[in-house]
C-alpha cells in the first residue's frame, strides 16, 4: 500500500513538471499533489483509508490529475 502511495505522489510530480508551462493544468495538478500529501500526513494520526467519504475524495483527485494530464498532453 505504501508503494502505491509513493508511486501516485511521484506520478503527480512528473505530471506537474511536464505541464509546468500550462497555468490552469499545472495549478490543478499541483493542488491535487498537495491534497494527496495532506491525505498522507493526516493518515499518520487517523485511519483515513477506511473512511468512505475521505477515500472517495482522494481517488477522485487522483483521477482528476490523470485526466487533466491526458487532456493536455494530447
PDB file of N, CA and C in Angstrom:
ATOM      1  N   UNK A   1       0.829  -1.188   0.000  1.00  0.00           N
ATOM      2  CA  UNK A   1       0.000   0.000   0.000  1.00  0.00           C
ATOM      3  C   UNK A   1       0.875   1.254   0.000  1.00  0.00           C
ATOM      4  N   UNK A   2       1.951   1.183   0.751  1.00  0.00           N
ATOM      5  CA  UNK A   2       2.853   2.326   0.801  1.00  0.00           C
ATOM      6  C   UNK A   2       3.504   2.574  -0.565  1.00  0.00           C
ATOM      7  N   UNK A   3       3.837   1.509  -1.284  1.00  0.00           N
ATOM      8  CA  UNK A   3       4.418   1.642  -2.611  1.00  0.00           C
ATOM      9  C   UNK A   3       3.427   2.332  -3.550  1.00  0.00           C
ATOM     10  N   UNK A   4       2.153   1.988  -3.447  1.00  0.00           N
ATOM     11  CA  UNK A   4       1.123   2.613  -4.272  1.00  0.00           C
ATOM     12  C   UNK A   4       1.052   4.114  -4.007  1.00  0.00           C
ATOM     13  N   UNK A   5       1.080   4.516  -2.752  1.00  0.00           N
ATOM     14  CA  UNK A   5       1.005   5.930  -2.410  1.00  0.00           C
ATOM     15  C   UNK A   5       2.235   6.694  -2.907  1.00  0.00           C
ATOM     16  N   UNK A   6       3.405   6.100  -2.767  1.00  0.00           N
ATOM     17  CA  UNK A   6       4.631   6.743  -3.251  1.00  0.00           C
ATOM     18  C   UNK A   6       4.581   6.879  -4.767  1.00  0.00           C
ATOM     19  N   UNK A   7       4.134   5.844  -5.445  1.00  0.00           N
ATOM     20  CA  UNK A   7       4.039   5.874  -6.909  1.00  0.00           C
ATOM     21  C   UNK A   7       3.062   6.952  -7.381  1.00  0.00           C
ATOM     22  N   UNK A   8       1.918   7.079  -6.732  1.00  0.00           N
ATOM     23  CA  UNK A   8       0.938   8.107  -7.097  1.00  0.00           C
ATOM     24  C   UNK A   8       1.524   9.498  -6.882  1.00  0.00           C
ATOM     25  N   UNK A   9       2.198   9.713  -5.767  1.00  0.00           N
ATOM     26  CA  UNK A   9       2.775  11.018  -5.483  1.00  0.00           C
ATOM     27  C   UNK A   9       3.869  11.371  -6.493  1.00  0.00           C
ATOM     28  N   UNK A  10       4.729  10.418  -6.814  1.00  0.00           N
ATOM     29  CA  UNK A  10       5.778  10.668  -7.807  1.00  0.00           C
ATOM     30  C   UNK A  10       5.187  10.914  -9.189  1.00  0.00           C
ATOM     31  N   UNK A  11       4.120  10.221  -9.521  1.00  0.00           N
ATOM     32  CA  UNK A  11       3.452  10.427 -10.807  1.00  0.00           C
ATOM     33  C   UNK A  11       2.856  11.830 -10.888  1.00  0.00           C
ATOM     34  N   UNK A  12       2.279  12.308  -9.786  1.00  0.00           N
ATOM     35  CA  UNK A  12       1.745  13.669  -9.760  1.00  0.00           C
ATOM     36  C   UNK A  12       2.847  14.701  -9.960  1.00  0.00           C
ATOM     37  N   UNK A  13       3.991  14.484  -9.356  1.00  0.00           N
ATOM     38  CA  UNK A  13       5.104  15.404  -9.539  1.00  0.00           C
ATOM     39  C   UNK A  13       5.621  15.372 -10.976  1.00  0.00           C
ATOM     40  N   UNK A  14       5.610  14.200 -11.595  1.00  0.00           N
ATOM     41  CA  UNK A  14       6.001  14.087 -13.003  1.00  0.00           C
ATOM     42  C   UNK A  14       5.015  14.855 -13.888  1.00  0.00           C
ATOM     43  N   UNK A  15       3.731  14.697 -13.621  1.00  0.00           N
ATOM     44  CA  UNK A  15       2.714  15.422 -14.377  1.00  0.00           C
ATOM     45  C   UNK A  15       2.939  16.931 -14.257  1.00  0.00           C
ATOM     46  N   UNK A  16       3.217  17.379 -13.048  1.00  0.00           N
ATOM     47  CA  UNK A  16       3.437  18.815 -12.829  1.00  0.00           C
ATOM     48  C   UNK A  16       4.659  19.318 -13.593  1.00  0.00           C
ATOM     49  N   UNK A  17       5.735  18.563 -13.566  1.00  0.00           N
ATOM     50  CA  UNK A  17       6.940  19.021 -14.251  1.00  0.00           C
ATOM     51  C   UNK A  17       6.750  19.060 -15.764  1.00  0.00           C
ATOM     52  N   UNK A  18       5.946  18.171 -16.304  1.00  0.00           N
ATOM     53  CA  UNK A  18       5.701  18.173 -17.751  1.00  0.00           C
ATOM     54  C   UNK A  18       4.728  19.270 -18.187  1.00  0.00           C
ATOM     55  N   UNK A  19       3.814  19.659 -17.308  1.00  0.00           N
ATOM     56  CA  UNK A  19       2.817  20.674 -17.662  1.00  0.00           C
ATOM     57  C   UNK A  19       3.070  22.002 -16.954  1.00  0.00           C
ATOM     58  N   UNK A  20       4.306  22.261 -16.576  1.00  0.00           N
ATOM     59  CA  UNK A  20       4.635  23.473 -15.833  1.00  0.00           C
ATOM     60  C   UNK A  20       4.293  24.747 -16.605  1.00  0.00           C
ATOM     61  N   UNK A  21       4.386  24.723 -17.923  1.00  0.00           N
ATOM     62  CA  UNK A  21       4.107  25.900 -18.731  1.00  0.00           C
ATOM     63  C   UNK A  21       2.632  26.189 -18.943  1.00  0.00           C
ATOM     64  N   UNK A  22       1.769  25.258 -18.625  1.00  0.00           N
ATOM     65  CA  UNK A  22       0.323  25.441 -18.789  1.00  0.00           C
ATOM     66  C   UNK A  22      -0.263  25.867 -17.442  1.00  0.00           C
ATOM     67  N   UNK A  23      -0.688  27.135 -17.313  1.00  0.00           N
ATOM     68  CA  UNK A  23      -1.090  27.645 -15.996  1.00  0.00           C
ATOM     69  C   UNK A  23      -2.247  26.884 -15.347  1.00  0.00           C
ATOM     70  N   UNK A  24      -3.331  26.649 -16.080  1.00  0.00           N
ATOM     71  CA  UNK A  24      -4.506  26.015 -15.463  1.00  0.00           C
ATOM     72  C   UNK A  24      -4.228  24.559 -15.083  1.00  0.00           C
ATOM     73  N   UNK A  25      -3.647  23.808 -16.004  1.00  0.00           N
ATOM     74  CA  UNK A  25      -3.393  22.387 -15.754  1.00  0.00           C
ATOM     75  C   UNK A  25      -2.369  22.193 -14.639  1.00  0.00           C
ATOM     76  N   UNK A  26      -1.313  22.994 -14.647  1.00  0.00           N
ATOM     77  CA  UNK A  26      -0.296  22.829 -13.609  1.00  0.00           C
ATOM     78  C   UNK A  26      -0.847  23.188 -12.231  1.00  0.00           C
ATOM     79  N   UNK A  27      -1.768  24.150 -12.173  1.00  0.00           N
ATOM     80  CA  UNK A  27      -2.384  24.510 -10.886  1.00  0.00           C
ATOM     81  C   UNK A  27      -3.245  23.382 -10.348  1.00  0.00           C
ATOM     82  N   UNK A  28      -4.030  22.758 -11.223  1.00  0.00           N
ATOM     83  CA  UNK A  28      -4.873  21.642 -10.797  1.00  0.00           C
ATOM     84  C   UNK A  28      -4.013  20.479 -10.313  1.00  0.00           C
ATOM     85  N   UNK A  29      -2.975  20.164 -11.066  1.00  0.00           N
ATOM     86  CA  UNK A  29      -2.128  19.028 -10.702  1.00  0.00           C
ATOM     87  C   UNK A  29      -1.350  19.309  -9.426  1.00  0.00           C
ATOM     88  N   UNK A  30      -0.851  20.533  -9.267  1.00  0.00           N
ATOM     89  CA  UNK A  30      -0.133  20.875  -8.038  1.00  0.00           C
ATOM     90  C   UNK A  30      -1.063  20.844  -6.825  1.00  0.00           C
ATOM     91  N   UNK A  31      -2.288  21.319  -7.009  1.00  0.00           N
ATOM     92  CA  UNK A  31      -3.271  21.253  -5.920  1.00  0.00           C
ATOM     93  C   UNK A  31      -3.626  19.821  -5.567  1.00  0.00           C
ATOM     94  N   UNK A  32      -3.747  18.975  -6.585  1.00  0.00           N
ATOM     95  CA  UNK A  32      -4.028  17.556  -6.338  1.00  0.00           C
ATOM     96  C   UNK A  32      -2.888  16.869  -5.612  1.00  0.00           C
ATOM     97  N   UNK A  33      -1.655  17.193  -6.004  1.00  0.00           N
ATOM     98  CA  UNK A  33      -0.492  16.611  -5.329  1.00  0.00           C
ATOM     99  C   UNK A  33      -0.419  17.088  -3.875  1.00  0.00           C
ATOM    100  N   UNK A  34      -0.743  18.357  -3.658  1.00  0.00           N
ATOM    101  CA  UNK A  34      -0.754  18.888  -2.289  1.00  0.00           C
ATOM    102  C   UNK A  34      -1.826  18.255  -1.427  1.00  0.00           C
ATOM    103  N   UNK A  35      -2.999  18.057  -2.002  1.00  0.00           N
ATOM    104  CA  UNK A  35      -4.068  17.429  -1.215  1.00  0.00           C
ATOM    105  C   UNK A  35      -3.760  15.957  -0.954  1.00  0.00           C
ATOM    106  N   UNK A  36      -3.085  15.298  -1.903  1.00  0.00           N
ATOM    107  CA  UNK A  36      -2.691  13.915  -1.669  1.00  0.00           C
ATOM    108  C   UNK A  36      -1.637  13.831  -0.569  1.00  0.00           C
ATOM    109  N   UNK A  37      -0.702  14.785  -0.562  1.00  0.00           N
ATOM    110  CA  UNK A  37       0.296  14.834   0.510  1.00  0.00           C
ATOM    111  C   UNK A  37      -0.370  15.094   1.859  1.00  0.00           C
ATOM    112  N   UNK A  38      -1.381  15.969   1.873  1.00  0.00           N
ATOM    113  CA  UNK A  38      -2.115  16.233   3.116  1.00  0.00           C
ATOM    114  C   UNK A  38      -2.857  14.987   3.589  1.00  0.00           C
ATOM    115  N   UNK A  39      -3.398  14.217   2.649  1.00  0.00           N
ATOM    116  CA  UNK A  39      -4.060  12.965   2.998  1.00  0.00           C
ATOM    117  C   UNK A  39      -3.070  11.997   3.654  1.00  0.00           C
ATOM    118  N   UNK A  40      -1.869  11.914   3.095  1.00  0.00           N
ATOM    119  CA  UNK A  40      -0.868  11.005   3.662  1.00  0.00           C
ATOM    120  C   UNK A  40      -0.422  11.454   5.047  1.00  0.00           C
ATOM    121  N   UNK A  41      -0.264  12.752   5.232  1.00  0.00           N
ATOM    122  CA  UNK A  41       0.156  13.259   6.539  1.00  0.00           C
ATOM    123  C   UNK A  41      -0.952  13.071   7.568  1.00  0.00           C
ATOM    124  N   UNK A  42      -2.196  13.328   7.184  1.00  0.00           N
ATOM    125  CA  UNK A  42      -3.297  13.148   8.137  1.00  0.00           C
ATOM    126  C   UNK A  42      -3.515  11.679   8.451  1.00  0.00           C
ATOM    127  N   UNK A  43      -3.076  10.802   7.564  1.00  0.00           N
ATOM    128  CA  UNK A  43      -3.185   9.372   7.824  1.00  0.00           C
ATOM    129  C   UNK A  43      -2.253   8.890   8.918  1.00  0.00           C
ATOM    130  N   UNK A  44      -1.323   9.729   9.338  1.00  0.00           N
ATOM    131  CA  UNK A  44      -0.442   9.352  10.442  1.00  0.00           C
ATOM    132  C   UNK A  44      -1.173   9.332  11.779  1.00  0.00           C
ATOM    133  N   UNK A  45      -2.262  10.091  11.879  1.00  0.00           N
ATOM    134  CA  UNK A  45      -2.981  10.169  13.148  1.00  0.00           C
ATOM    135  C   UNK A  45      -4.371   9.556  13.107  1.00  0.00           C
ATOM    136  N   UNK A  46      -4.912   9.273  11.923  1.00  0.00           N
ATOM    137  CA  UNK A  46      -6.217   8.642  11.803  1.00  0.00           C
ATOM    138  C   UNK A  46      -6.179   7.557  10.744  1.00  0.00           C
ATOM    139  N   UNK A  47      -7.234   6.775  10.723  1.00  0.00           N
ATOM    140  CA  UNK A  47      -7.340   5.710   9.726  1.00  0.00           C
ATOM    141  C   UNK A  47      -8.230   6.212   8.605  1.00  0.00           C
ATOM    142  N   UNK A  48      -7.630   6.869   7.619  1.00  0.00           N
ATOM    143  CA  UNK A  48      -8.389   7.504   6.536  1.00  0.00           C
ATOM    144  C   UNK A  48      -8.851   6.535   5.468  1.00  0.00           C
ATOM    145  N   UNK A  49      -8.149   5.440   5.274  1.00  0.00           N
ATOM    146  CA  UNK A  49      -8.471   4.534   4.184  1.00  0.00           C
ATOM    147  C   UNK A  49      -9.834   3.881   4.405  1.00  0.00           C
ATOM    148  N   UNK A  50     -10.219   3.677   5.624  1.00  0.00           N
ATOM    149  CA  UNK A  50     -11.492   3.042   5.919  1.00  0.00           C
ATOM    150  C   UNK A  50     -12.676   3.987   5.897  1.00  0.00           C
ATOM    151  N   UNK A  51     -12.422   5.285   5.869  1.00  0.00           N
ATOM    152  CA  UNK A  51     -13.497   6.267   5.848  1.00  0.00           C
ATOM    153  C   UNK A  51     -13.935   6.495   4.408  1.00  0.00           C
ATOM    154  N   UNK A  52     -15.162   6.148   4.099  1.00  0.00           N
ATOM    155  CA  UNK A  52     -15.659   6.163   2.726  1.00  0.00           C
ATOM    156  C   UNK A  52     -15.598   7.548   2.087  1.00  0.00           C
ATOM    157  N   UNK A  53     -15.994   8.580   2.814  1.00  0.00           N
ATOM    158  CA  UNK A  53     -16.021   9.920   2.241  1.00  0.00           C
ATOM    159  C   UNK A  53     -14.623  10.413   1.903  1.00  0.00           C
ATOM    160  N   UNK A  54     -13.681  10.139   2.780  1.00  0.00           N
ATOM    161  CA  UNK A  54     -12.309  10.611   2.570  1.00  0.00           C
ATOM    162  C   UNK A  54     -11.655   9.890   1.404  1.00  0.00           C
ATOM    163  N   UNK A  55     -11.746   8.581   1.357  1.00  0.00           N
ATOM    164  CA  UNK A  55     -11.064   7.831   0.309  1.00  0.00           C
ATOM    165  C   UNK A  55     -11.711   8.061  -1.055  1.00  0.00           C
ATOM    166  N   UNK A  56     -13.015   8.334  -1.090  1.00  0.00           N
ATOM    167  CA  UNK A  56     -13.663   8.672  -2.353  1.00  0.00           C
ATOM    168  C   UNK A  56     -13.116   9.987  -2.895  1.00  0.00           C
ATOM    169  N   UNK A  57     -12.937  10.957  -2.030  1.00  0.00           N
ATOM    170  CA  UNK A  57     -12.365  12.240  -2.454  1.00  0.00           C
ATOM    171  C   UNK A  57     -10.919  12.073  -2.920  1.00  0.00           C
ATOM    172  N   UNK A  58     -10.149  11.245  -2.252  1.00  0.00           N
ATOM    173  CA  UNK A  58      -8.752  11.020  -2.648  1.00  0.00           C
ATOM    174  C   UNK A  58      -8.690  10.397  -4.030  1.00  0.00           C
ATOM    175  N   UNK A  59      -9.488   9.361  -4.283  1.00  0.00           N
ATOM    176  CA  UNK A  59      -9.441   8.713  -5.601  1.00  0.00           C
ATOM    177  C   UNK A  59      -9.979   9.630  -6.690  1.00  0.00           C
ATOM    178  N   UNK A  60     -10.930  10.498  -6.349  1.00  0.00           N
ATOM    179  CA  UNK A  60     -11.421  11.471  -7.320  1.00  0.00           C
ATOM    180  C   UNK A  60     -10.319  12.447  -7.713  1.00  0.00           C
ATOM    181  N   UNK A  61      -9.573  12.934  -6.740  1.00  0.00           N
ATOM    182  CA  UNK A  61      -8.496  13.887  -7.020  1.00  0.00           C
ATOM    183  C   UNK A  61      -7.376  13.220  -7.807  1.00  0.00           C
ATOM    184  N   UNK A  62      -7.047  11.985  -7.477  1.00  0.00           N
ATOM    185  CA  UNK A  62      -6.025  11.259  -8.241  1.00  0.00           C
ATOM    186  C   UNK A  62      -6.487  11.068  -9.680  1.00  0.00           C
ATOM    187  N   UNK A  63      -7.727  10.679  -9.857  1.00  0.00           N
ATOM    188  CA  UNK A  63      -8.274  10.508 -11.206  1.00  0.00           C
ATOM    189  C   UNK A  63      -8.347  11.821 -11.968  1.00  0.00           C
ATOM    190  N   UNK A  64      -8.653  12.907 -11.278  1.00  0.00           N
ATOM    191  CA  UNK A  64      -8.695  14.217 -11.912  1.00  0.00           C
ATOM    192  C   UNK A  64      -7.320  14.612 -12.435  1.00  0.00           C
ATOM    193  N   UNK A  65      -6.286  14.337 -11.666  1.00  0.00           N
ATOM    194  CA  UNK A  65      -4.930  14.652 -12.121  1.00  0.00           C
ATOM    195  C   UNK A  65      -4.566  13.856 -13.366  1.00  0.00           C
ATOM    196  N   UNK A  66      -4.889  12.591 -13.372  1.00  0.00           N
ATOM    197  CA  UNK A  66      -4.608  11.766 -14.554  1.00  0.00           C
ATOM    198  C   UNK A  66      -5.398  12.260 -15.763  1.00  0.00           C
ATOM    199  N   UNK A  67      -6.663  12.646 -15.566  1.00  0.00           N
ATOM    200  CA  UNK A  67      -7.494  13.120 -16.668  1.00  0.00           C
ATOM    201  C   UNK A  67      -6.971  14.444 -17.224  1.00  0.00           C
ATOM    202  N   UNK A  68      -6.589  15.359 -16.355  1.00  0.00           N
ATOM    203  CA  UNK A  68      -6.048  16.641 -16.813  1.00  0.00           C
ATOM    204  C   UNK A  68      -4.759  16.419 -17.588  1.00  0.00           C
ATOM    205  N   UNK A  69      -3.935  15.532 -17.104  1.00  0.00           N
ATOM    206  CA  UNK A  69      -2.684  15.242 -17.805  1.00  0.00           C
ATOM    207  C   UNK A  69      -2.957  14.665 -19.191  1.00  0.00           C
ATOM    208  N   UNK A  70      -3.864  13.708 -19.282  1.00  0.00           N
ATOM    209  CA  UNK A  70      -4.197  13.105 -20.569  1.00  0.00           C
ATOM    210  C   UNK A  70      -4.776  14.119 -21.545  1.00  0.00           C
ATOM    211  N   UNK A  71      -5.612  15.025 -21.059  1.00  0.00           N
ATOM    212  CA  UNK A  71      -6.231  16.033 -21.931  1.00  0.00           C
ATOM    213  C   UNK A  71      -5.188  16.996 -22.469  1.00  0.00           C
ATOM    214  N   UNK A  72      -4.302  17.483 -21.604  1.00  0.00           N
ATOM    215  CA  UNK A  72      -3.343  18.490 -22.042  1.00  0.00           C
ATOM    216  C   UNK A  72      -2.143  17.926 -22.784  1.00  0.00           C
ATOM    217  N   UNK A  73      -1.838  16.665 -22.612  1.00  0.00           N
ATOM    218  CA  UNK A  73      -0.730  16.081 -23.356  1.00  0.00           C
ATOM    219  C   UNK A  73      -1.136  15.837 -24.803  1.00  0.00           C
ATOM    220  N   UNK A  74      -2.381  15.448 -25.027  1.00  0.00           N
ATOM    221  CA  UNK A  74      -2.856  15.231 -26.405  1.00  0.00           C
ATOM    222  C   UNK A  74      -3.029  16.563 -27.055  1.00  0.00           C
TER     223      UNK A  74
END
